[in-house]
Amino acid sequence: MRLLPKTRAGRWALWLSVAFIILIAVKITAFLPLPTFAVAALGLVGFIMGIVAIFKNKDRAILTFIAILVGLLIVLWTVLEFIFPH
């Protein structure tokens, strides 16, 4: 098992998830004029690309699995916002 993904979909998943993490951290700590759902869309696209990399391209990199974990957290957060709105 490798650390970095070898496939194009795996690399896209990694960098989109990294972009999501950085942008959400900036949004929390400073003013960022992007809507949260636009930032979350980056993480969701990374999640989908990670699933494609694992199932279609057989990419078993650790950071690809972490990108999928980030996407699962976004999906969980979205579902919980709909179930328990505030």
Protein backbone atom coordinates (compact mmCIF):
# COMPACT_ATOMS: atom_id res chain seq x y z
CA MET A 1 0.00 0.00 0.00
CA ARG A 2 1.37 3.37 -1.05
CA LEU A 3 1.01 6.80 0.53
CA LEU A 4 0.42 8.82 -2.66
CA PRO A 5 -2.11 7.82 -5.33
CA LYS A 6 -0.84 6.75 -8.76
CA THR A 7 -3.99 7.29 -10.81
CA ARG A 8 -5.29 10.61 -12.07
CA ALA A 9 -8.59 10.16 -10.22
CA GLY A 10 -6.72 9.46 -6.98
CA ARG A 11 -4.60 12.59 -7.34
CA TRP A 12 -7.71 14.68 -8.08
CA ALA A 13 -9.40 13.22 -5.00
CA LEU A 14 -6.40 14.06 -2.85
CA TRP A 15 -6.00 17.67 -4.01
CA LEU A 16 -9.72 18.45 -3.96
CA SER A 17 -9.93 17.19 -0.39
CA VAL A 18 -6.86 19.20 0.58
CA ALA A 19 -8.44 22.30 -1.02
CA PHE A 20 -11.64 21.66 0.96
CA ILE A 21 -9.74 21.37 4.25
CA ILE A 22 -7.72 24.54 3.62
CA LEU A 23 -10.71 26.59 2.46
CA ILE A 24 -12.94 25.49 5.34
CA ALA A 25 -10.15 26.31 7.82
CA VAL A 26 -9.76 29.77 6.28
CA LYS A 27 -13.53 30.23 6.29
CA ILE A 28 -13.70 29.41 10.01
CA THR A 29 -10.73 31.54 11.10
CA ALA A 30 -11.02 34.51 8.70
CA PHE A 31 -13.46 36.07 6.32
CA LEU A 32 -13.85 34.10 3.10
CA PRO A 33 -16.55 35.30 0.70
CA LEU A 34 -17.30 31.81 -0.65
CA PRO A 35 -20.50 30.07 0.37
CA THR A 36 -20.01 26.96 2.48
CA PHE A 37 -21.87 24.72 0.04
CA ALA A 38 -19.42 25.74 -2.72
CA VAL A 39 -16.48 24.75 -0.52
CA ALA A 40 -18.25 21.51 0.46
CA ALA A 41 -18.78 20.74 -3.23
CA LEU A 42 -14.99 20.48 -3.62
CA GLY A 43 -14.90 17.84 -0.92
CA LEU A 44 -17.81 15.94 -2.44
CA VAL A 45 -16.19 15.88 -5.87
CA GLY A 46 -13.01 14.64 -4.17
CA PHE A 47 -15.09 11.93 -2.48
CA ILE A 48 -16.54 10.80 -5.82
CA MET A 49 -13.12 10.85 -7.49
CA GLY A 50 -11.71 8.80 -4.61
CA ILE A 51 -14.42 6.18 -5.03
CA VAL A 52 -13.70 6.05 -8.77
CA ALA A 53 -9.98 5.69 -8.08
CA ILE A 54 -10.50 2.82 -5.67
CA PHE A 55 -13.17 0.79 -7.45
CA LYS A 56 -12.49 1.48 -11.11
CA ASN A 57 -8.74 2.05 -11.14
CA LYS A 58 -7.80 -0.15 -8.15
CA ASP A 59 -5.80 2.68 -6.51
CA ARG A 60 -5.13 1.63 -2.92
CA ALA A 61 -3.19 4.67 -1.68
CA ILE A 62 -3.60 5.77 1.92
CA LEU A 63 -4.32 9.39 0.98
CA THR A 64 -7.07 8.25 -1.38
CA PHE A 65 -8.78 6.54 1.54
CA ILE A 66 -8.37 9.73 3.60
CA ALA A 67 -10.00 11.73 0.79
CA ILE A 68 -12.95 9.33 0.95
CA LEU A 69 -13.10 9.77 4.72
CA VAL A 70 -13.25 13.55 4.30
CA GLY A 71 -16.08 13.12 1.79
CA LEU A 72 -17.98 10.83 4.15
CA LEU A 73 -17.73 13.47 6.88
CA ILE A 74 -19.17 16.06 4.50
CA VAL A 75 -22.05 13.74 3.60
CA LEU A 76 -22.69 13.01 7.29
CA TRP A 77 -22.61 16.74 8.12
CA THR A 78 -25.08 17.51 5.31
CA VAL A 79 -27.48 14.74 6.33
CA LEU A 80 -27.38 15.85 9.97
CA GLU A 81 -28.06 19.47 8.95
CA PHE A 82 -31.22 18.30 7.18
CA ILE A 83 -32.33 16.06 10.06
CA PHE A 84 -31.52 18.54 12.85
CA PRO A 85 -31.68 22.07 11.40
CA HIS A 86 -30.77 24.99 13.59
